[in-house]
């Protein structure tokens, strides 16, 4: 049985985002609306859909992750492995909401923020994404240079060649060609698996680290907390939200294939957790009980240690995995920037388009990568400070990104029948509360580096109490606002009520939930922000401005040697 495709107008901004799904391993024609019956046909559909979740998750295990995870393993053994399992539901919930927004709305994250919350937040989201992404791409090229150094290859030509390769791979004008290259890089990331067998980490310690939450004995609490925050920041990064939403749109995935895309996301999460675990357990096995334990320098130092303790082949595998991860990270992070600017500025922004047909989109991508590579190659560049700055700013800005993600996913005008359920909203509100607390601790510790473990505990407890209270109030108001919106559509008072009533009628009359897409942005009723939400957004704005200014001042002081 087939159904006619939905021809109602949608909010899709680029016509290249409409048409056949052209995945790395298969094609699904736009007029193919038949039900998927039988295991073989379902698997063929899955392999055509797979991509967005895999790429965003494997791209998350980039150079920054290599540094953070290996530091945890070298300095604290397997004692922090539990953080990876704790982050699994956070990763899934965040990225599932993002892919739902992409498939249902056809509009990128930055554009939706601008349309629903105003130009300030739209501009803020794009500017902070641009700055943070540029700094993140610098760390990717640092990772490439460290890998090349261990392999004995010239760093300057190697970094230049890597930049040219990534720019060329993105600029072919073929979505399928780019995704196939990404799949090759994803396969390359699996060289970490034989590395784990060569290092022989203790199975009992690994199982204990995963299943028993705790901190290393005798370690300074403030130092460990900063490392935990670093793990959170590198595993749940703001660029992931912008990239996956836009990539789902660019791949032309619609709500009909939501279930397949969720499977794609789950596969990606399994790979990212596996990779993170290997990056922790291998250094734990290599450095545990030796002089190098507790003296982490960088991923290059970890490669040297692995080479000495396990063998040259193991060091080479680690260096290759580091370069591979940095390349895919640079591509994904750079694309998240180009997609966001294309959405907000109205530029053509699709990998289906040629360079001639989308000059601005590709120019932004090439410019950001060229700038990042140049920073790494300039002698005397403060690469260490940039690496620290990326971790700090990502931790500071992540709560705001998650707040807007939650607000958009509880906006019935945006998602219609795909809006968050009650329990998902409550869980995400709790996640936001935790991220706010961690962000607060990170900001305080950077601004006041002499902070003691007792003071860190006080900040944690005070921030936790405040965040939980705010989270409860937010959830209650969200549910009341939803009930009010439904009752408003029934009474139909005023022009806004009439617009929502029309939207609600469209939702309730849909026979197939999978065919529902968000109407054009200009047709949406104006969002109704309650006084509580306005107050919360104002408080968030003040906190972000103050925190970012304080962090920047501190980084500048460090750069000047104070």
Protein backbone atom coordinates (compact mmCIF):
# COMPACT_ATOMS: atom_id res chain seq x y z
CA UNK A 1 0.00 0.00 0.00
CA UNK A 2 1.30 3.48 -0.89
CA UNK A 3 0.27 6.96 0.15
CA UNK A 4 0.46 10.13 -1.86
CA UNK A 5 3.31 12.43 -0.86
CA UNK A 6 2.37 15.50 1.18
CA UNK A 7 2.38 18.55 -1.10
CA UNK A 8 1.55 21.18 1.52
CA UNK A 9 4.08 24.04 1.86
CA UNK A 10 6.83 23.50 4.42
CA UNK A 11 9.56 25.62 6.00
CA UNK A 12 12.42 24.06 3.99
CA UNK A 13 14.75 26.94 3.06
CA UNK A 14 16.85 25.43 0.25
CA UNK A 15 15.26 23.59 -2.65
CA UNK A 16 18.26 21.24 -2.70
CA UNK A 17 16.96 19.85 0.58
CA UNK A 18 14.01 18.30 -1.28
CA UNK A 19 14.27 15.16 -3.39
CA UNK A 20 15.69 11.66 -3.27
CA UNK A 21 17.66 10.49 -0.23
CA UNK A 22 21.13 9.78 -1.61
CA UNK A 23 23.02 8.03 1.15
CA UNK A 24 26.47 6.48 1.06
CA UNK A 25 25.03 2.98 0.68
CA UNK A 26 21.74 3.47 -1.13
CA UNK A 27 19.03 5.71 -2.54
CA UNK A 28 15.41 6.19 -1.52
CA UNK A 29 13.34 7.95 -4.16
CA UNK A 30 11.17 10.83 -3.05
CA UNK A 31 8.07 9.15 -4.54
CA UNK A 32 8.81 5.87 -2.76
CA UNK A 33 6.16 5.98 -0.05
CA UNK A 34 5.54 2.25 0.25
CA UNK A 35 5.58 0.60 3.66
CA UNK A 36 8.77 -1.23 4.58
CA UNK A 37 7.84 -4.88 5.15
CA UNK A 38 10.27 -7.74 5.54
CA UNK A 39 13.70 -7.72 7.16
CA UNK A 40 15.62 -7.38 3.89
CA UNK A 41 13.79 -4.24 2.79
CA UNK A 42 14.07 -2.70 6.25
CA UNK A 43 17.82 -3.32 6.27
CA UNK A 44 18.18 -1.77 2.80
CA UNK A 45 16.32 1.29 4.03
CA UNK A 46 18.48 1.49 7.14
CA UNK A 47 21.77 1.38 5.24
CA UNK A 48 20.49 4.17 2.96
CA UNK A 49 19.46 6.31 5.95
CA UNK A 50 22.48 5.65 8.15
CA UNK A 51 24.94 8.55 8.31
CA UNK A 52 23.91 11.58 10.36
CA UNK A 53 24.03 9.81 13.73
CA UNK A 54 27.22 7.94 12.91
CA UNK A 55 29.06 11.01 11.66
CA UNK A 56 28.07 13.31 14.51
CA UNK A 57 28.98 10.73 17.15
CA UNK A 58 32.29 9.57 15.64
CA UNK A 59 33.12 13.23 14.96
CA UNK A 60 32.57 13.77 18.67
CA UNK A 61 35.56 11.49 19.42
CA UNK A 62 37.83 14.13 17.89
CA UNK A 63 41.22 15.53 18.93
CA UNK A 64 39.71 17.18 22.01
CA UNK A 65 38.22 13.86 23.09
CA UNK A 66 41.55 12.12 22.56
CA UNK A 67 43.16 14.62 24.90
CA UNK A 68 40.45 14.57 27.57
CA UNK A 69 39.84 10.81 27.65
CA UNK A 70 43.52 9.87 27.60
CA UNK A 71 44.21 12.39 30.38
CA UNK A 72 41.53 10.69 32.48
CA UNK A 73 43.11 7.31 31.80
CA UNK A 74 46.71 8.35 32.36
CA UNK A 75 46.07 10.41 35.51
CA UNK A 76 43.14 8.56 37.11
CA UNK A 77 43.13 5.06 35.62
CA UNK A 78 39.72 3.53 34.97
CA UNK A 79 38.00 5.33 37.86
CA UNK A 80 36.06 7.74 35.59
CA UNK A 81 34.75 5.23 33.04
CA UNK A 82 31.30 5.50 34.63
CA UNK A 83 30.96 9.04 33.24
CA UNK A 84 30.66 7.57 29.74
CA UNK A 85 27.67 5.41 30.68
CA UNK A 86 26.12 8.32 32.55
CA UNK A 87 26.30 10.44 29.40
CA UNK A 88 24.62 7.84 27.15
CA UNK A 89 21.02 8.91 27.94
CA UNK A 90 22.04 12.57 27.71
CA UNK A 91 23.58 12.02 24.30
CA UNK A 92 20.57 10.10 23.03
CA UNK A 93 17.94 12.52 24.33
CA UNK A 94 19.77 15.62 23.05
CA UNK A 95 20.52 14.24 19.60
CA UNK A 96 17.11 12.55 19.23
CA UNK A 97 15.44 15.93 19.81
CA UNK A 98 17.78 17.47 17.25
CA UNK A 99 17.10 14.89 14.57
CA UNK A 100 13.37 15.25 15.25
CA UNK A 101 13.63 19.01 14.77
CA UNK A 102 15.53 18.53 11.52
CA UNK A 103 13.22 15.92 10.01
CA UNK A 104 10.00 17.69 11.01
CA UNK A 105 10.89 21.35 10.44
CA UNK A 106 13.37 21.35 7.55
CA UNK A 107 15.00 24.39 9.20
CA UNK A 108 18.40 24.60 10.91
CA UNK A 109 18.89 25.15 14.62
CA UNK A 110 20.10 28.76 14.42
CA UNK A 111 17.21 29.75 12.14
CA UNK A 112 14.64 28.26 14.51
CA UNK A 113 16.19 30.06 17.49
CA UNK A 114 16.04 33.37 15.59
CA UNK A 115 12.45 32.82 14.47
CA UNK A 116 11.10 31.80 17.88
CA UNK A 117 13.21 33.81 20.35
CA UNK A 118 14.37 36.89 18.49
CA UNK A 119 17.40 38.28 16.70
CA UNK A 120 19.53 38.64 19.84
CA UNK A 121 19.49 34.93 20.61
CA UNK A 122 19.80 34.03 16.94
CA UNK A 123 22.85 36.27 16.53
CA UNK A 124 24.30 35.05 19.84
CA UNK A 125 23.91 31.42 18.84
CA UNK A 126 25.64 31.98 15.48
CA UNK A 127 28.45 34.17 16.84
CA UNK A 128 29.32 31.88 19.75
CA UNK A 129 29.07 28.85 17.45
CA UNK A 130 31.42 30.48 14.95
CA UNK A 131 34.03 31.42 17.58
CA UNK A 132 33.84 28.11 19.42
CA UNK A 133 33.91 26.07 16.21
CA UNK A 134 36.92 27.98 14.85
CA UNK A 135 38.81 27.27 18.08
CA UNK A 136 37.68 23.64 18.01
CA UNK A 137 38.99 23.20 14.46
CA UNK A 138 42.33 24.59 15.65
CA UNK A 139 42.46 21.73 18.17
CA UNK A 140 41.71 19.28 15.33
CA UNK A 141 44.77 20.49 13.44
CA UNK A 142 46.79 20.30 16.65
CA UNK A 143 45.75 16.64 16.84
CA UNK A 144 46.82 16.11 13.22
CA UNK A 145 50.22 17.71 13.88
CA UNK A 146 50.76 15.54 17.01
CA UNK A 147 49.92 12.38 15.05
CA UNK A 148 52.23 13.36 12.19
CA UNK A 149 55.02 14.12 14.66
CA UNK A 150 54.82 10.66 16.18
CA UNK A 151 54.81 9.04 12.73
CA UNK A 152 57.92 11.04 11.80
CA UNK A 153 56.16 12.90 8.99
CA UNK A 154 56.67 16.64 8.29
CA UNK A 155 54.04 18.60 10.20
CA UNK A 156 53.68 21.73 8.05
CA UNK A 157 53.04 19.95 4.73
CA UNK A 158 50.91 17.39 6.55
CA UNK A 159 48.63 19.98 8.15
CA UNK A 160 48.30 21.84 4.84
CA UNK A 161 47.53 18.58 3.01
CA UNK A 162 44.91 17.65 5.62
CA UNK A 163 43.20 21.04 5.28
CA UNK A 164 43.19 20.77 1.48
CA UNK A 165 41.86 17.20 1.66
CA UNK A 166 38.95 18.13 3.95
CA UNK A 167 38.02 21.21 1.90
CA UNK A 168 38.17 19.20 -1.34
CA UNK A 169 36.09 16.36 0.12
CA UNK A 170 33.35 18.75 1.19
CA UNK A 171 33.39 20.78 -2.03
CA UNK A 172 32.69 18.06 -4.62
CA UNK A 173 29.04 19.04 -5.05
CA UNK A 174 28.00 15.47 -4.26
CA UNK A 175 26.37 14.66 -0.93
CA UNK A 176 26.86 10.94 -1.51
CA UNK A 177 30.57 11.34 -2.25
CA UNK A 178 31.12 13.26 0.99
CA UNK A 179 29.18 10.73 3.06
CA UNK A 180 31.12 7.84 1.55
CA UNK A 181 34.39 9.51 2.54
CA UNK A 182 33.02 9.94 6.06
CA UNK A 183 32.22 6.23 6.17
CA UNK A 184 35.83 5.45 5.22
CA UNK A 185 37.01 7.67 8.07
CA UNK A 186 34.55 6.02 10.46
CA UNK A 187 35.95 2.63 9.47
CA UNK A 188 39.44 4.03 10.07
CA UNK A 189 38.49 5.01 13.62
CA UNK A 190 38.06 1.31 14.42
CA UNK A 191 41.85 0.87 14.52
CA UNK A 192 41.40 1.66 18.21
CA UNK A 193 39.88 -1.81 18.69
CA UNK A 194 43.08 -3.82 18.00
CA UNK A 195 44.96 -1.23 20.09
CA UNK A 196 42.88 -2.23 23.11
CA UNK A 197 43.86 -5.89 22.64
CA UNK A 198 47.53 -5.00 22.33
CA UNK A 199 47.49 -3.00 25.58
CA UNK A 200 45.67 -5.70 27.61
CA UNK A 201 43.77 -3.50 30.11
CA UNK A 202 42.67 -5.38 33.23
CA UNK A 203 39.11 -6.60 32.64
CA UNK A 204 38.17 -6.41 36.32
CA UNK A 205 39.29 -2.79 36.61
CA UNK A 206 37.40 -1.87 33.44
CA UNK A 207 34.15 -3.45 34.65
CA UNK A 208 34.53 -1.82 38.06
CA UNK A 209 35.21 1.57 36.46
CA UNK A 210 32.05 1.34 34.39
CA UNK A 211 29.70 0.04 37.05
CA UNK A 212 30.92 1.70 40.27
CA UNK A 213 30.82 5.53 40.20
CA UNK A 214 33.57 7.17 42.21
CA UNK A 215 36.64 9.36 42.19
CA UNK A 216 40.32 8.36 42.33
CA UNK A 217 41.60 7.83 45.86
CA UNK A 218 43.64 10.69 47.20
CA UNK A 219 42.95 12.92 44.19
CA UNK A 220 42.14 16.61 44.57
CA UNK A 221 38.37 17.03 44.19
CA UNK A 222 38.58 20.31 42.29
CA UNK A 223 41.03 18.82 39.75
CA UNK A 224 38.90 15.71 39.22
CA UNK A 225 35.72 17.78 38.90
CA UNK A 226 37.31 19.89 36.17
CA UNK A 227 38.28 16.71 34.35
CA UNK A 228 34.72 15.36 34.67
CA UNK A 229 33.40 18.64 33.28
CA UNK A 230 35.92 18.33 30.46
CA UNK A 231 34.57 14.85 29.67
CA UNK A 232 31.02 16.22 29.61
CA UNK A 233 32.04 19.16 27.43
CA UNK A 234 33.89 17.04 24.89
CA UNK A 235 31.16 14.36 24.76
CA UNK A 236 28.14 16.69 24.59
CA UNK A 237 29.28 19.64 22.48
CA UNK A 238 27.18 22.54 21.08
CA UNK A 239 28.33 22.00 17.48
CA UNK A 240 26.68 18.54 17.50
CA UNK A 241 23.21 20.09 17.82
CA UNK A 242 23.68 22.41 14.86
CA UNK A 243 25.44 19.84 12.68
CA UNK A 244 23.06 16.91 13.04
CA UNK A 245 19.91 18.98 12.58
CA UNK A 246 21.23 20.52 9.36
CA UNK A 247 22.75 17.28 8.10
CA UNK A 248 19.44 15.44 8.56
CA UNK A 249 17.81 18.19 6.51
CA UNK A 250 20.52 18.09 3.84
CA UNK A 251 20.15 14.33 3.54
CA UNK A 252 16.43 14.94 2.94
CA UNK A 253 15.28 12.70 5.77
CA UNK A 254 11.60 13.20 6.60
CA UNK A 255 9.53 12.05 9.59
CA UNK A 256 8.66 8.84 7.73
CA UNK A 257 12.18 7.58 8.42
CA UNK A 258 12.46 8.80 12.01
CA UNK A 259 12.76 5.26 13.38
CA UNK A 260 15.65 4.39 11.06
CA UNK A 261 17.47 7.58 11.96
CA UNK A 262 17.12 6.76 15.66
CA UNK A 263 18.79 3.40 15.00
CA UNK A 264 21.57 5.27 13.20
CA UNK A 265 21.99 7.46 16.28
CA UNK A 266 22.13 4.46 18.63
CA UNK A 267 24.84 2.83 16.50
CA UNK A 268 26.83 6.08 16.64
CA UNK A 269 26.48 6.29 20.43
CA UNK A 270 27.72 2.70 20.83
CA UNK A 271 30.80 3.54 18.75
CA UNK A 272 31.53 6.78 20.60
CA UNK A 273 31.26 5.08 24.02
CA UNK A 274 33.45 2.20 22.82
CA UNK A 275 36.04 4.65 21.50
CA UNK A 276 35.97 6.74 24.67
CA UNK A 277 36.39 3.62 26.81
CA UNK A 278 39.42 2.48 24.79
CA UNK A 279 40.97 5.94 25.03
CA UNK A 280 40.65 5.76 28.83
CA UNK A 281 41.58 2.13 29.43
CA UNK A 282 44.65 1.91 27.19
CA UNK A 283 46.54 4.77 28.93
CA UNK A 284 45.34 3.38 32.27
CA UNK A 285 46.98 0.04 31.42
CA UNK A 286 50.10 1.64 29.94
CA UNK A 287 50.84 4.25 32.61
CA UNK A 288 49.30 2.62 35.69
CA UNK A 289 51.95 2.10 38.36
CA UNK A 290 54.64 3.81 36.29
CA UNK A 291 56.32 7.21 36.50
CA UNK A 292 54.10 8.68 33.77
CA UNK A 293 50.91 8.20 35.79
CA UNK A 294 49.50 11.56 36.83
CA UNK A 295 51.77 13.50 34.46
CA UNK A 296 49.64 13.93 31.34
CA UNK A 297 51.01 16.34 28.72
CA UNK A 298 49.07 15.79 25.48
CA UNK A 299 47.90 13.08 23.11
CA UNK A 300 51.36 13.02 21.52
CA UNK A 301 52.88 12.12 24.87
CA UNK A 302 50.33 9.32 25.23
CA UNK A 303 51.34 7.96 21.81
CA UNK A 304 55.00 7.93 22.90
CA UNK A 305 54.12 6.15 26.14
CA UNK A 306 52.04 3.55 24.30
CA UNK A 307 54.86 3.00 21.81
CA UNK A 308 57.42 2.43 24.58
CA UNK A 309 55.24 0.17 26.73
CA UNK A 310 53.29 -1.84 24.16
CA UNK A 311 55.30 -1.57 20.97
CA UNK A 312 55.79 0.67 17.95
CA UNK A 313 52.79 -0.78 16.14
CA UNK A 314 50.49 0.22 19.00
CA UNK A 315 51.87 3.77 18.94
CA UNK A 316 51.34 3.95 15.19
CA UNK A 317 47.73 2.74 15.52
CA UNK A 318 47.07 5.42 18.14
CA UNK A 319 48.61 8.14 15.95
CA UNK A 320 46.60 7.04 12.91
CA UNK A 321 43.39 7.01 14.96
CA UNK A 322 44.20 10.51 16.26
CA UNK A 323 44.71 11.88 12.73
CA UNK A 324 41.59 10.11 11.46
CA UNK A 325 39.46 11.49 14.32
CA UNK A 326 40.82 14.99 13.82
CA UNK A 327 40.01 14.96 10.10
CA UNK A 328 36.40 13.84 10.54
CA UNK A 329 36.03 16.26 13.46
CA UNK A 330 37.28 19.18 11.36
CA UNK A 331 34.83 18.32 8.56
CA UNK A 332 31.81 18.00 10.86
CA UNK A 333 32.57 21.07 12.99
CA UNK A 334 33.29 23.19 9.92
CA UNK A 335 30.06 22.09 8.25
CA UNK A 336 28.03 22.96 11.35
CA UNK A 337 29.32 26.54 10.96
CA UNK A 338 28.52 26.76 7.24
CA UNK A 339 25.07 25.25 7.71
CA UNK A 340 24.20 27.69 10.52
CA UNK A 341 25.35 30.78 8.63
CA UNK A 342 23.61 29.59 5.46
CA UNK A 343 20.35 29.13 7.36
CA UNK A 344 20.45 32.53 9.05
CA UNK A 345 21.84 34.59 6.15
CA UNK A 346 19.64 32.98 3.53
CA UNK A 347 22.53 31.54 1.51
CA UNK A 348 22.24 28.34 -0.48
CA UNK A 349 23.64 25.74 1.88
CA UNK A 350 23.70 22.15 0.72
CA UNK A 351 26.31 19.52 -0.11
CA UNK A 352 24.10 18.65 -3.09
CA UNK A 353 25.09 22.00 -4.66
CA UNK A 354 28.31 22.72 -6.53
CA UNK A 355 30.79 25.36 -5.42
CA UNK A 356 29.58 27.64 -8.23
CA UNK A 357 25.99 27.24 -7.06
CA UNK A 358 26.68 27.84 -3.32
CA UNK A 359 29.76 30.05 -3.18
CA UNK A 360 29.06 31.54 0.25
CA UNK A 361 28.44 28.15 1.89
CA UNK A 362 31.70 26.65 0.68
CA UNK A 363 33.65 29.89 1.19
CA UNK A 364 32.73 29.94 4.89
CA UNK A 365 33.80 26.32 5.27
CA UNK A 366 37.11 26.78 3.46
CA UNK A 367 37.82 30.05 5.26
CA UNK A 368 37.29 28.61 8.75
CA UNK A 369 39.50 25.59 8.03
CA UNK A 370 42.23 27.68 6.39
CA UNK A 371 42.25 30.09 9.34
CA UNK A 372 42.48 27.25 11.87
CA UNK A 373 45.31 25.55 9.98
CA UNK A 374 47.19 28.86 9.74
CA UNK A 375 46.92 29.40 13.51
CA UNK A 376 48.48 25.99 14.16
CA UNK A 377 51.31 26.63 11.70
CA UNK A 378 52.21 30.12 12.95
CA UNK A 379 55.20 29.84 15.31
CA UNK A 380 54.42 30.92 18.86
CA UNK A 381 50.65 30.49 18.61
CA UNK A 382 49.14 29.89 22.08
CA UNK A 383 47.90 26.41 21.17
CA UNK A 384 47.69 25.27 24.79
CA UNK A 385 45.51 28.23 25.73
CA UNK A 386 43.28 27.66 22.71
CA UNK A 387 42.78 24.04 23.79
CA UNK A 388 41.86 25.14 27.31
CA UNK A 389 39.63 27.89 25.93
CA UNK A 390 37.68 25.41 23.80
CA UNK A 391 36.92 23.20 26.78
CA UNK A 392 35.96 26.12 28.99
CA UNK A 393 33.77 27.93 26.47
CA UNK A 394 32.06 24.69 25.42
CA UNK A 395 31.22 24.02 29.06
CA UNK A 396 29.96 27.56 29.60
CA UNK A 397 27.81 27.69 26.45
CA UNK A 398 26.39 24.17 26.44
CA UNK A 399 23.57 24.88 28.94
CA UNK A 400 22.17 27.67 26.75
CA UNK A 401 22.18 25.40 23.69
CA UNK A 402 20.31 22.71 25.60
CA UNK A 403 17.81 25.23 26.99
CA UNK A 404 16.81 26.36 23.49
CA UNK A 405 16.71 22.76 22.30
CA UNK A 406 14.20 21.98 25.05
CA UNK A 407 12.13 25.10 24.39
CA UNK A 408 11.91 24.31 20.68
CA UNK A 409 10.92 20.70 21.33
CA UNK A 410 8.07 21.80 23.61
CA UNK A 411 6.82 24.32 21.03
CA UNK A 412 3.68 22.81 19.48
CA UNK A 413 3.73 25.29 16.60
CA UNK A 414 7.16 23.95 15.61
CA UNK A 415 6.78 20.21 16.13
CA UNK A 416 3.02 19.65 16.15
CA UNK A 417 2.39 15.95 16.89
CA UNK A 418 6.14 15.40 17.35
CA UNK A 419 6.34 17.67 20.41
CA UNK A 420 8.09 16.33 23.53
CA UNK A 421 6.15 14.20 25.94
CA UNK A 422 5.91 15.06 29.62
CA UNK A 423 8.60 12.69 30.89
CA UNK A 424 11.07 13.64 28.17
CA UNK A 425 10.58 17.30 29.07
CA UNK A 426 11.20 16.59 32.73
CA UNK A 427 14.31 14.54 32.01
CA UNK A 428 15.74 17.22 29.73
CA UNK A 429 15.01 19.89 32.33
CA UNK A 430 17.01 17.83 34.83
CA UNK A 431 19.86 17.56 32.31
CA UNK A 432 19.81 21.33 31.85
CA UNK A 433 20.00 21.74 35.62
CA UNK A 434 23.08 19.50 35.83
CA UNK A 435 24.76 21.27 32.92
CA UNK A 436 24.14 24.66 34.54
CA UNK A 437 25.78 23.46 37.77
CA UNK A 438 28.81 22.07 35.91
CA UNK A 439 29.07 25.26 33.88
CA UNK A 440 29.00 27.33 37.06
CA UNK A 441 31.75 25.22 38.67
CA UNK A 442 33.86 25.48 35.54
CA UNK A 443 33.49 29.25 35.34
CA UNK A 444 34.34 29.76 39.01
CA UNK A 445 37.37 27.45 38.83
CA UNK A 446 38.80 29.22 35.76
CA UNK A 447 38.29 32.70 37.18
CA UNK A 448 39.56 31.66 40.64
CA UNK A 449 42.21 28.98 39.96
CA UNK A 450 43.16 28.78 43.68
CA UNK A 451 39.71 27.46 44.58
CA UNK A 452 39.79 24.63 47.14
CA UNK A 453 37.98 21.31 47.10
CA UNK A 454 35.69 22.51 49.89
CA UNK A 455 34.73 25.60 47.90
CA UNK A 456 34.06 23.45 44.81
CA UNK A 457 31.75 21.31 46.94
CA UNK A 458 29.94 24.41 48.19
CA UNK A 459 29.45 25.68 44.64
CA UNK A 460 28.16 22.25 43.58
CA UNK A 461 25.67 22.03 46.42
CA UNK A 462 24.45 25.61 46.07
CA UNK A 463 24.21 25.41 42.30
CA UNK A 464 22.47 22.05 42.48
CA UNK A 465 19.83 23.33 44.87
CA UNK A 466 19.17 26.41 42.74
CA UNK A 467 19.14 24.48 39.45
CA UNK A 468 16.77 21.81 40.75
CA UNK A 469 14.39 24.50 41.95
CA UNK A 470 14.52 26.30 38.60
CA UNK A 471 14.09 22.99 36.76
CA UNK A 472 10.96 22.13 38.72
CA UNK A 473 9.45 25.57 38.11
CA UNK A 474 10.32 25.37 34.42
CA UNK A 475 8.70 21.96 34.02
CA UNK A 476 5.53 23.03 35.81
CA UNK A 477 5.22 26.17 33.71
CA UNK A 478 5.86 24.20 30.52
CA UNK A 479 3.04 21.81 31.27
CA UNK A 480 0.70 24.66 32.23
CA UNK A 481 1.62 26.56 29.08
CA UNK A 482 0.86 23.52 26.96
CA UNK A 483 -2.51 23.06 28.61
CA UNK A 484 -3.27 26.74 28.12
CA UNK A 485 -2.34 26.54 24.47
CA UNK A 486 -4.69 23.61 23.93
CA UNK A 487 -7.56 25.31 25.73
CA UNK A 488 -6.84 28.51 23.77
CA UNK A 489 -7.26 26.68 20.50
CA UNK A 490 -10.62 25.43 21.61
CA UNK A 491 -11.88 28.86 22.52
CA UNK A 492 -10.19 30.49 19.53
CA UNK A 493 -9.71 33.93 21.06
CA UNK A 494 -7.88 36.55 18.98
CA UNK A 495 -5.71 36.30 15.88
CA UNK A 496 -2.98 34.29 17.62
CA UNK A 497 -5.56 31.89 19.03
CA UNK A 498 -7.05 31.51 15.57
CA UNK A 499 -3.67 30.75 14.04
CA UNK A 500 -2.94 28.13 16.68
CA UNK A 501 -6.42 26.72 16.20
CA UNK A 502 -5.75 26.23 12.50
CA UNK A 503 -2.45 24.55 13.28
CA UNK A 504 -4.07 22.31 15.89
CA UNK A 505 -6.78 21.34 13.42
CA UNK A 506 -4.11 20.35 10.94
CA UNK A 507 -2.44 18.19 13.59
CA UNK A 508 -5.58 16.42 14.79
CA UNK A 509 -6.85 15.74 11.27
CA UNK A 510 -3.63 14.10 10.07
CA UNK A 511 -4.19 10.40 9.42
CA UNK A 512 -0.49 9.69 9.17
CA UNK A 513 1.72 11.36 11.77
CA UNK A 514 4.72 10.69 9.57
CA UNK A 515 3.49 13.13 6.90
CA UNK A 516 3.37 16.17 9.20
CA UNK A 517 5.95 18.91 8.51
CA UNK A 518 6.27 22.35 10.04
CA UNK A 519 4.67 25.06 7.86
CA UNK A 520 6.79 28.02 6.66
CA UNK A 521 8.26 30.01 9.53
CA UNK A 522 6.37 33.17 8.62
CA UNK A 523 3.08 31.29 8.96
CA UNK A 524 3.74 30.21 12.54
CA UNK A 525 1.86 32.01 15.32
CA UNK A 526 4.06 34.26 17.44
CA UNK A 527 5.48 32.36 20.43
CA UNK A 528 3.85 33.22 23.73
CA UNK A 529 6.57 33.44 26.38
CA UNK A 530 5.35 33.42 29.96
CA UNK A 531 6.82 35.88 32.50
CA UNK A 532 8.73 32.98 34.05
CA UNK A 533 10.34 32.03 30.75
CA UNK A 534 11.20 35.64 29.96
CA UNK A 535 12.81 35.99 33.37
CA UNK A 536 14.72 32.74 32.87
CA UNK A 537 16.01 33.79 29.43
CA UNK A 538 17.07 37.17 30.83
CA UNK A 539 18.94 35.48 33.67
CA UNK A 540 20.58 33.12 31.18
CA UNK A 541 21.62 36.07 29.01
CA UNK A 542 23.21 37.88 31.98
CA UNK A 543 25.00 34.72 33.15
CA UNK A 544 26.41 33.95 29.71
CA UNK A 545 27.67 37.49 29.16
CA UNK A 546 29.31 37.67 32.58
CA UNK A 547 30.77 34.14 32.39
CA UNK A 548 32.19 34.57 28.88
CA UNK A 549 33.74 37.95 29.77
CA UNK A 550 35.34 36.55 32.94
CA UNK A 551 36.69 33.51 31.10
CA UNK A 552 38.13 35.62 28.27
CA UNK A 553 39.79 37.97 30.75
CA UNK A 554 41.33 35.01 32.58
CA UNK A 555 42.63 33.43 29.37
CA UNK A 556 44.17 36.77 28.32
CA UNK A 557 45.85 37.02 31.72
CA UNK A 558 47.30 33.55 31.25
CA UNK A 559 48.51 34.49 27.78
CA UNK A 560 50.29 37.54 29.22
CA UNK A 561 51.87 35.44 31.94
CA UNK A 562 49.87 36.76 34.88
